[in-house]
Amino acid sequence: MKLKAALKNMFTLFCIITTFETIFIASISWLPDQNFIFNARDLFKIPFVAFAGVLPVLILVRSEKTPRAELMIRKTLHFILTAGVVFGLLIYFGWMDMTNAVFIAAFFLAIYIPATVVQEIRAKKLADQLNAKINAFHKAENATHREVP
């Protein structure tokens, strides 16, 4: 992934994560027996957590010829760093405790997995388009160099 694509991806993920965090927090307040107090200062923590959660995308910025093993290591490191940063901030802010840890982990995976799948699908489509253009170029080049009897 190039830096420009990574920055676009980070912005998109930031918006999606901020939206889903807001919806998640708003839905928690609907649960019965919840003494949920959320003040204006806590609202600023939502985009901070989202921004910190998308920063590890910069690990995926690489050159054109990256070995497959390095790519797998980068993706694994990305997952570990993203989960560590997000869960660390949630624990630090007091938003995650033993009662809601399973829900927050499920919520994290519900955002992380589809985002990764969408990114892989986009990369596959881009690779297919580039391969189609390369093949069309080679066919056109070969057609002009035919030997005429």
N, C-alpha and C. Protein backbone atom coordinates (compact mmCIF):
# COMPACT_ATOMS: atom_id res chain seq x y z
N MET A 1 0.85 -1.16 0.00
CA MET A 1 0.00 0.00 0.00
C MET A 1 0.90 1.23 0.00
N LYS A 2 0.58 2.17 -0.85
CA LYS A 2 1.34 3.41 -0.90
C LYS A 2 0.82 4.37 0.16
N LEU A 3 1.62 5.40 0.45
CA LEU A 3 1.29 6.34 1.52
C LEU A 3 -0.03 7.05 1.25
N LYS A 4 -0.27 7.47 0.03
CA LYS A 4 -1.50 8.18 -0.30
C LYS A 4 -2.73 7.28 -0.08
N ALA A 5 -2.63 6.05 -0.51
CA ALA A 5 -3.73 5.10 -0.30
C ALA A 5 -3.92 4.81 1.18
N ALA A 6 -2.81 4.73 1.92
CA ALA A 6 -2.91 4.48 3.36
C ALA A 6 -3.60 5.65 4.07
N LEU A 7 -3.28 6.88 3.68
CA LEU A 7 -3.92 8.04 4.30
C LEU A 7 -5.41 8.09 3.98
N LYS A 8 -5.77 7.76 2.74
CA LYS A 8 -7.20 7.69 2.39
C LYS A 8 -7.90 6.61 3.22
N ASN A 9 -7.25 5.47 3.33
CA ASN A 9 -7.81 4.36 4.11
C ASN A 9 -7.95 4.76 5.58
N MET A 10 -6.95 5.46 6.10
CA MET A 10 -7.00 5.90 7.50
C MET A 10 -8.17 6.86 7.72
N PHE A 11 -8.38 7.79 6.80
CA PHE A 11 -9.48 8.74 6.95
C PHE A 11 -10.82 8.03 6.91
N THR A 12 -10.97 7.12 5.96
CA THR A 12 -12.22 6.36 5.85
C THR A 12 -12.46 5.54 7.12
N LEU A 13 -11.44 4.84 7.57
CA LEU A 13 -11.58 4.04 8.79
C LEU A 13 -11.87 4.92 10.01
N PHE A 14 -11.23 6.08 10.08
CA PHE A 14 -11.47 7.00 11.19
C PHE A 14 -12.95 7.39 11.24
N CYS A 15 -13.51 7.74 10.09
CA CYS A 15 -14.93 8.13 10.04
C CYS A 15 -15.84 6.96 10.42
N ILE A 16 -15.54 5.78 9.90
CA ILE A 16 -16.36 4.61 10.20
C ILE A 16 -16.27 4.25 11.67
N ILE A 17 -15.07 4.24 12.22
CA ILE A 17 -14.89 3.86 13.62
C ILE A 17 -15.56 4.87 14.54
N THR A 18 -15.40 6.16 14.25
CA THR A 18 -16.04 7.19 15.07
C THR A 18 -17.55 7.03 15.05
N THR A 19 -18.11 6.78 13.88
CA THR A 19 -19.56 6.60 13.77
C THR A 19 -20.02 5.39 14.57
N PHE A 20 -19.35 4.26 14.39
CA PHE A 20 -19.77 3.05 15.09
C PHE A 20 -19.53 3.13 16.59
N GLU A 21 -18.47 3.81 17.02
CA GLU A 21 -18.27 4.01 18.46
C GLU A 21 -19.41 4.82 19.05
N THR A 22 -19.81 5.87 18.35
CA THR A 22 -20.91 6.70 18.84
C THR A 22 -22.20 5.91 18.92
N ILE A 23 -22.49 5.12 17.90
CA ILE A 23 -23.70 4.29 17.91
C ILE A 23 -23.62 3.25 19.03
N PHE A 24 -22.44 2.65 19.22
CA PHE A 24 -22.27 1.65 20.26
C PHE A 24 -22.49 2.25 21.64
N ILE A 25 -21.90 3.41 21.88
CA ILE A 25 -22.05 4.05 23.19
C ILE A 25 -23.49 4.49 23.41
N ALA A 26 -24.14 4.98 22.37
CA ALA A 26 -25.53 5.38 22.51
C ALA A 26 -26.43 4.18 22.78
N SER A 27 -26.11 3.03 22.18
CA SER A 27 -26.93 1.84 22.39
C SER A 27 -26.74 1.25 23.79
N ILE A 28 -25.56 1.45 24.37
CA ILE A 28 -25.32 0.96 25.73
C ILE A 28 -26.25 1.67 26.72
N SER A 29 -26.50 2.93 26.46
CA SER A 29 -27.34 3.69 27.40
C SER A 29 -28.78 3.21 27.40
N TRP A 30 -29.19 2.46 26.40
CA TRP A 30 -30.55 1.93 26.36
C TRP A 30 -30.72 0.67 27.20
N LEU A 31 -29.63 0.03 27.55
CA LEU A 31 -29.73 -1.20 28.33
C LEU A 31 -30.30 -0.91 29.72
N PRO A 32 -31.16 -1.80 30.21
CA PRO A 32 -31.70 -1.57 31.56
C PRO A 32 -30.63 -1.76 32.63
N ASP A 33 -30.84 -1.15 33.75
CA ASP A 33 -29.94 -1.22 34.91
C ASP A 33 -28.54 -0.68 34.59
N GLN A 34 -28.48 0.28 33.72
CA GLN A 34 -27.20 0.90 33.40
C GLN A 34 -27.18 2.32 33.95
N ASN A 35 -26.29 2.60 34.84
CA ASN A 35 -26.07 3.96 35.31
C ASN A 35 -24.96 4.55 34.46
N PHE A 36 -25.31 4.89 33.26
CA PHE A 36 -24.34 5.32 32.27
C PHE A 36 -24.31 6.83 32.21
N ILE A 37 -23.19 7.41 32.61
CA ILE A 37 -23.02 8.85 32.58
C ILE A 37 -21.90 9.16 31.60
N PHE A 38 -22.22 9.99 30.65
CA PHE A 38 -21.26 10.34 29.60
C PHE A 38 -21.31 11.84 29.44
N ASN A 39 -20.23 12.53 29.78
CA ASN A 39 -20.24 13.98 29.69
C ASN A 39 -19.55 14.46 28.41
N ALA A 40 -19.53 15.77 28.23
CA ALA A 40 -18.97 16.34 27.00
C ALA A 40 -17.49 16.04 26.85
N ARG A 41 -16.76 15.97 27.95
CA ARG A 41 -15.34 15.66 27.89
C ARG A 41 -15.12 14.25 27.33
N ASP A 42 -16.02 13.35 27.65
CA ASP A 42 -15.91 11.98 27.13
C ASP A 42 -16.16 11.92 25.63
N LEU A 43 -16.94 12.87 25.10
CA LEU A 43 -17.21 12.88 23.66
C LEU A 43 -15.93 13.11 22.86
N PHE A 44 -14.99 13.87 23.41
CA PHE A 44 -13.74 14.11 22.70
C PHE A 44 -12.83 12.89 22.72
N LYS A 45 -13.10 11.96 23.58
CA LYS A 45 -12.29 10.75 23.64
C LYS A 45 -12.65 9.80 22.49
N ILE A 46 -13.86 9.90 21.98
CA ILE A 46 -14.30 9.02 20.89
C ILE A 46 -13.41 9.20 19.66
N PRO A 47 -13.25 10.42 19.12
CA PRO A 47 -12.37 10.54 17.95
C PRO A 47 -10.90 10.27 18.27
N PHE A 48 -10.50 10.50 19.51
CA PHE A 48 -9.12 10.21 19.88
C PHE A 48 -8.85 8.71 19.81
N VAL A 49 -9.76 7.91 20.33
CA VAL A 49 -9.63 6.45 20.26
C VAL A 49 -9.65 6.00 18.79
N ALA A 50 -10.53 6.59 17.99
CA ALA A 50 -10.61 6.22 16.58
C ALA A 50 -9.32 6.57 15.85
N PHE A 51 -8.77 7.76 16.11
CA PHE A 51 -7.53 8.17 15.45
C PHE A 51 -6.36 7.28 15.88
N ALA A 52 -6.27 7.00 17.16
CA ALA A 52 -5.20 6.13 17.65
C ALA A 52 -5.35 4.72 17.08
N GLY A 53 -6.59 4.30 16.84
CA GLY A 53 -6.83 2.97 16.30
C GLY A 53 -6.47 2.83 14.83
N VAL A 54 -6.43 3.95 14.09
CA VAL A 54 -6.08 3.86 12.67
C VAL A 54 -4.60 4.15 12.40
N LEU A 55 -3.88 4.63 13.38
CA LEU A 55 -2.45 4.91 13.18
C LEU A 55 -1.62 3.69 12.77
N PRO A 56 -1.92 2.49 13.28
CA PRO A 56 -1.12 1.34 12.84
C PRO A 56 -1.25 0.99 11.35
N VAL A 57 -2.16 1.64 10.63
CA VAL A 57 -2.26 1.41 9.18
C VAL A 57 -0.95 1.81 8.50
N LEU A 58 -0.22 2.74 9.09
CA LEU A 58 1.04 3.19 8.50
C LEU A 58 2.08 2.06 8.43
N ILE A 59 1.89 1.00 9.22
CA ILE A 59 2.79 -0.16 9.14
C ILE A 59 2.65 -0.85 7.79
N LEU A 60 1.48 -0.74 7.19
CA LEU A 60 1.22 -1.44 5.94
C LEU A 60 1.77 -0.70 4.72
N VAL A 61 2.32 0.51 4.89
CA VAL A 61 2.94 1.23 3.79
C VAL A 61 4.25 0.52 3.47
N ARG A 62 4.42 0.16 2.21
CA ARG A 62 5.58 -0.63 1.82
C ARG A 62 5.96 -0.32 0.37
N SER A 63 7.07 -0.88 -0.04
CA SER A 63 7.52 -0.71 -1.42
C SER A 63 6.76 -1.68 -2.32
N GLU A 64 7.03 -1.57 -3.59
CA GLU A 64 6.32 -2.40 -4.57
C GLU A 64 6.64 -3.89 -4.42
N LYS A 65 7.90 -4.20 -4.17
CA LYS A 65 8.31 -5.60 -4.13
C LYS A 65 8.58 -6.02 -2.68
N THR A 66 7.51 -6.30 -1.98
CA THR A 66 7.62 -6.74 -0.60
C THR A 66 7.41 -8.26 -0.57
N PRO A 67 8.30 -8.99 0.08
CA PRO A 67 8.11 -10.44 0.17
C PRO A 67 6.81 -10.79 0.90
N ARG A 68 6.24 -11.90 0.54
CA ARG A 68 4.97 -12.33 1.11
C ARG A 68 5.08 -12.56 2.62
N ALA A 69 6.20 -13.10 3.07
CA ALA A 69 6.38 -13.34 4.51
C ALA A 69 6.39 -12.02 5.28
N GLU A 70 7.05 -11.01 4.72
CA GLU A 70 7.07 -9.69 5.38
C GLU A 70 5.68 -9.09 5.42
N LEU A 71 4.92 -9.28 4.37
CA LEU A 71 3.55 -8.77 4.32
C LEU A 71 2.69 -9.41 5.41
N MET A 72 2.84 -10.72 5.59
CA MET A 72 2.07 -11.42 6.63
C MET A 72 2.48 -10.94 8.03
N ILE A 73 3.77 -10.71 8.22
CA ILE A 73 4.26 -10.20 9.50
C ILE A 73 3.70 -8.81 9.76
N ARG A 74 3.70 -7.97 8.72
CA ARG A 74 3.15 -6.61 8.87
C ARG A 74 1.66 -6.64 9.23
N LYS A 75 0.91 -7.52 8.57
CA LYS A 75 -0.53 -7.60 8.86
C LYS A 75 -0.77 -8.11 10.28
N THR A 76 0.00 -9.08 10.71
CA THR A 76 -0.12 -9.57 12.09
C THR A 76 0.25 -8.50 13.08
N LEU A 77 1.34 -7.81 12.82
CA LEU A 77 1.76 -6.71 13.69
C LEU A 77 0.72 -5.60 13.72
N HIS A 78 0.10 -5.34 12.57
CA HIS A 78 -0.96 -4.33 12.50
C HIS A 78 -2.13 -4.70 13.41
N PHE A 79 -2.54 -5.97 13.34
CA PHE A 79 -3.65 -6.41 14.20
C PHE A 79 -3.29 -6.28 15.67
N ILE A 80 -2.10 -6.73 16.04
CA ILE A 80 -1.68 -6.68 17.44
C ILE A 80 -1.59 -5.25 17.94
N LEU A 81 -0.98 -4.38 17.15
CA LEU A 81 -0.87 -2.98 17.56
C LEU A 81 -2.23 -2.29 17.64
N THR A 82 -3.08 -2.54 16.66
CA THR A 82 -4.41 -1.93 16.67
C THR A 82 -5.20 -2.38 17.89
N ALA A 83 -5.23 -3.68 18.13
CA ALA A 83 -5.96 -4.18 19.30
C ALA A 83 -5.35 -3.65 20.59
N GLY A 84 -4.03 -3.62 20.68
CA GLY A 84 -3.37 -3.12 21.89
C GLY A 84 -3.68 -1.67 22.15
N VAL A 85 -3.60 -0.85 21.10
CA VAL A 85 -3.87 0.59 21.27
C VAL A 85 -5.32 0.82 21.66
N VAL A 86 -6.23 0.19 20.94
CA VAL A 86 -7.66 0.40 21.21
C VAL A 86 -8.04 -0.10 22.60
N PHE A 87 -7.68 -1.34 22.91
CA PHE A 87 -8.05 -1.87 24.23
C PHE A 87 -7.32 -1.14 25.35
N GLY A 88 -6.08 -0.76 25.11
CA GLY A 88 -5.34 0.01 26.11
C GLY A 88 -5.99 1.34 26.42
N LEU A 89 -6.41 2.05 25.37
CA LEU A 89 -7.08 3.33 25.60
C LEU A 89 -8.44 3.15 26.26
N LEU A 90 -9.16 2.11 25.88
CA LEU A 90 -10.47 1.88 26.50
C LEU A 90 -10.32 1.55 27.98
N ILE A 91 -9.31 0.80 28.32
CA ILE A 91 -9.06 0.50 29.74
C ILE A 91 -8.61 1.77 30.46
N TYR A 92 -7.73 2.54 29.82
CA TYR A 92 -7.23 3.77 30.44
C TYR A 92 -8.37 4.77 30.70
N PHE A 93 -9.28 4.89 29.74
CA PHE A 93 -10.40 5.82 29.90
C PHE A 93 -11.50 5.26 30.80
N GLY A 94 -11.40 4.00 31.19
CA GLY A 94 -12.39 3.39 32.06
C GLY A 94 -13.65 2.94 31.33
N TRP A 95 -13.54 2.79 30.02
CA TRP A 95 -14.71 2.37 29.24
C TRP A 95 -14.82 0.86 29.13
N MET A 96 -13.76 0.15 29.47
CA MET A 96 -13.80 -1.31 29.36
C MET A 96 -13.47 -1.90 30.72
N ASP A 97 -14.35 -2.78 31.16
CA ASP A 97 -14.11 -3.53 32.39
C ASP A 97 -14.54 -4.96 32.14
N MET A 98 -14.53 -5.76 33.17
CA MET A 98 -14.83 -7.19 33.00
C MET A 98 -16.28 -7.44 32.55
N THR A 99 -17.19 -6.54 32.87
CA THR A 99 -18.59 -6.78 32.51
C THR A 99 -18.86 -6.56 31.02
N ASN A 100 -18.12 -5.68 30.38
CA ASN A 100 -18.41 -5.41 28.97
C ASN A 100 -17.24 -5.77 28.04
N ALA A 101 -16.25 -6.46 28.53
CA ALA A 101 -15.07 -6.79 27.71
C ALA A 101 -15.42 -7.66 26.51
N VAL A 102 -16.31 -8.61 26.69
CA VAL A 102 -16.69 -9.50 25.59
C VAL A 102 -17.41 -8.70 24.50
N PHE A 103 -18.31 -7.80 24.91
CA PHE A 103 -19.05 -7.00 23.92
C PHE A 103 -18.11 -6.07 23.16
N ILE A 104 -17.16 -5.48 23.86
CA ILE A 104 -16.22 -4.57 23.21
C ILE A 104 -15.28 -5.35 22.28
N ALA A 105 -14.83 -6.52 22.68
CA ALA A 105 -13.99 -7.34 21.82
C ALA A 105 -14.76 -7.77 20.56
N ALA A 106 -16.00 -8.14 20.73
CA ALA A 106 -16.84 -8.50 19.57
C ALA A 106 -17.06 -7.29 18.66
N PHE A 107 -17.27 -6.14 19.26
CA PHE A 107 -17.45 -4.91 18.50
C PHE A 107 -16.17 -4.57 17.72
N PHE A 108 -15.02 -4.73 18.37
CA PHE A 108 -13.74 -4.47 17.72
C PHE A 108 -13.57 -5.40 16.51
N LEU A 109 -13.83 -6.68 16.70
CA LEU A 109 -13.70 -7.63 15.60
C LEU A 109 -14.74 -7.39 14.51
N ALA A 110 -15.93 -6.91 14.90
CA ALA A 110 -16.98 -6.62 13.92
C ALA A 110 -16.59 -5.44 13.03
N ILE A 111 -15.73 -4.59 13.49
CA ILE A 111 -15.24 -3.50 12.65
C ILE A 111 -13.95 -3.92 11.93
N TYR A 112 -13.04 -4.58 12.63
CA TYR A 112 -11.73 -4.90 12.07
C TYR A 112 -11.83 -5.90 10.91
N ILE A 113 -12.59 -6.95 11.08
CA ILE A 113 -12.66 -8.00 10.05
C ILE A 113 -13.27 -7.48 8.74
N PRO A 114 -14.46 -6.81 8.78
CA PRO A 114 -14.99 -6.30 7.51
C PRO A 114 -14.08 -5.26 6.86
N ALA A 115 -13.43 -4.41 7.66
CA ALA A 115 -12.52 -3.41 7.09
C ALA A 115 -11.36 -4.10 6.37
N THR A 116 -10.84 -5.15 6.95
CA THR A 116 -9.75 -5.90 6.33
C THR A 116 -10.22 -6.59 5.07
N VAL A 117 -11.40 -7.17 5.11
CA VAL A 117 -11.94 -7.85 3.93
C VAL A 117 -12.18 -6.86 2.79
N VAL A 118 -12.75 -5.71 3.09
CA VAL A 118 -12.99 -4.70 2.07
C VAL A 118 -11.67 -4.23 1.46
N GLN A 119 -10.67 -4.04 2.30
CA GLN A 119 -9.36 -3.62 1.80
C GLN A 119 -8.76 -4.68 0.88
N GLU A 120 -8.87 -5.94 1.25
CA GLU A 120 -8.34 -7.02 0.41
C GLU A 120 -9.11 -7.12 -0.91
N ILE A 121 -10.41 -6.94 -0.88
CA ILE A 121 -11.21 -6.99 -2.11
C ILE A 121 -10.81 -5.85 -3.04
N ARG A 122 -10.63 -4.66 -2.48
CA ARG A 122 -10.19 -3.52 -3.30
C ARG A 122 -8.82 -3.78 -3.91
N ALA A 123 -7.92 -4.33 -3.13
CA ALA A 123 -6.58 -4.62 -3.65
C ALA A 123 -6.65 -5.66 -4.76
N LYS A 124 -7.50 -6.67 -4.60
CA LYS A 124 -7.67 -7.71 -5.62
C LYS A 124 -8.24 -7.12 -6.91
N LYS A 125 -9.25 -6.25 -6.77
CA LYS A 125 -9.84 -5.62 -7.96
C LYS A 125 -8.81 -4.75 -8.68
N LEU A 126 -8.02 -4.01 -7.92
CA LEU A 126 -6.99 -3.17 -8.52
C LEU A 126 -5.96 -4.03 -9.25
N ALA A 127 -5.56 -5.12 -8.64
CA ALA A 127 -4.59 -6.02 -9.27
C ALA A 127 -5.18 -6.62 -10.55
N ASP A 128 -6.46 -7.00 -10.52
CA ASP A 128 -7.10 -7.55 -11.71
C ASP A 128 -7.17 -6.51 -12.84
N GLN A 129 -7.48 -5.26 -12.48
CA GLN A 129 -7.53 -4.20 -13.48
C GLN A 129 -6.15 -3.96 -14.09
N LEU A 130 -5.12 -3.93 -13.24
CA LEU A 130 -3.77 -3.72 -13.76
C LEU A 130 -3.34 -4.88 -14.65
N ASN A 131 -3.66 -6.10 -14.26
CA ASN A 131 -3.33 -7.27 -15.08
C ASN A 131 -4.07 -7.23 -16.42
N ALA A 132 -5.33 -6.80 -16.41
CA ALA A 132 -6.09 -6.70 -17.66
C ALA A 132 -5.46 -5.66 -18.59
N LYS A 133 -5.02 -4.54 -18.04
CA LYS A 133 -4.37 -3.51 -18.87
C LYS A 133 -3.03 -4.01 -19.41
N ILE A 134 -2.28 -4.70 -18.59
CA ILE A 134 -0.99 -5.24 -19.05
C ILE A 134 -1.21 -6.27 -20.15
N ASN A 135 -2.18 -7.16 -19.96
CA ASN A 135 -2.47 -8.17 -20.99
C ASN A 135 -2.95 -7.52 -22.28
N ALA A 136 -3.79 -6.49 -22.18
CA ALA A 136 -4.26 -5.80 -23.38
C ALA A 136 -3.09 -5.13 -24.10
N PHE A 137 -2.16 -4.57 -23.36
CA PHE A 137 -0.98 -3.95 -23.96
C PHE A 137 -0.14 -4.99 -24.68
N HIS A 138 0.09 -6.14 -24.04
CA HIS A 138 0.89 -7.18 -24.67
C HIS A 138 0.21 -7.75 -25.91
N LYS A 139 -1.10 -7.90 -25.87
CA LYS A 139 -1.82 -8.40 -27.05
C LYS A 139 -1.72 -7.40 -28.19
N ALA A 140 -1.85 -6.12 -27.88
CA ALA A 140 -1.75 -5.10 -28.93
C ALA A 140 -0.34 -5.03 -29.49
N GLU A 141 0.65 -5.17 -28.63
CA GLU A 141 2.05 -5.14 -29.07
C GLU A 141 2.37 -6.34 -29.94
N ASN A 142 1.86 -7.51 -29.55
CA ASN A 142 2.10 -8.72 -30.34
C ASN A 142 1.36 -8.67 -31.66
N ALA A 143 0.23 -8.03 -31.70
CA ALA A 143 -0.53 -7.95 -32.95
C ALA A 143 0.18 -7.09 -33.98
N THR A 144 0.94 -6.11 -33.57
CA THR A 144 1.65 -5.24 -34.53
C THR A 144 2.95 -5.86 -35.02
N HIS A 145 3.44 -6.88 -34.35
CA HIS A 145 4.71 -7.50 -34.73
C HIS A 145 4.53 -8.85 -35.40
N ARG A 146 3.39 -9.07 -36.00
CA ARG A 146 3.17 -10.35 -36.69
C ARG A 146 4.05 -10.41 -37.94
N GLU A 147 4.46 -11.62 -38.21
CA GLU A 147 5.25 -11.81 -39.44
C GLU A 147 4.28 -12.01 -40.59
N VAL A 148 4.49 -11.20 -41.61
CA VAL A 148 3.62 -11.29 -42.78
C VAL A 148 4.33 -12.16 -43.81
N PRO A 149 3.62 -13.22 -44.33
CA PRO A 149 4.28 -14.12 -45.30
C PRO A 149 4.40 -13.51 -46.67
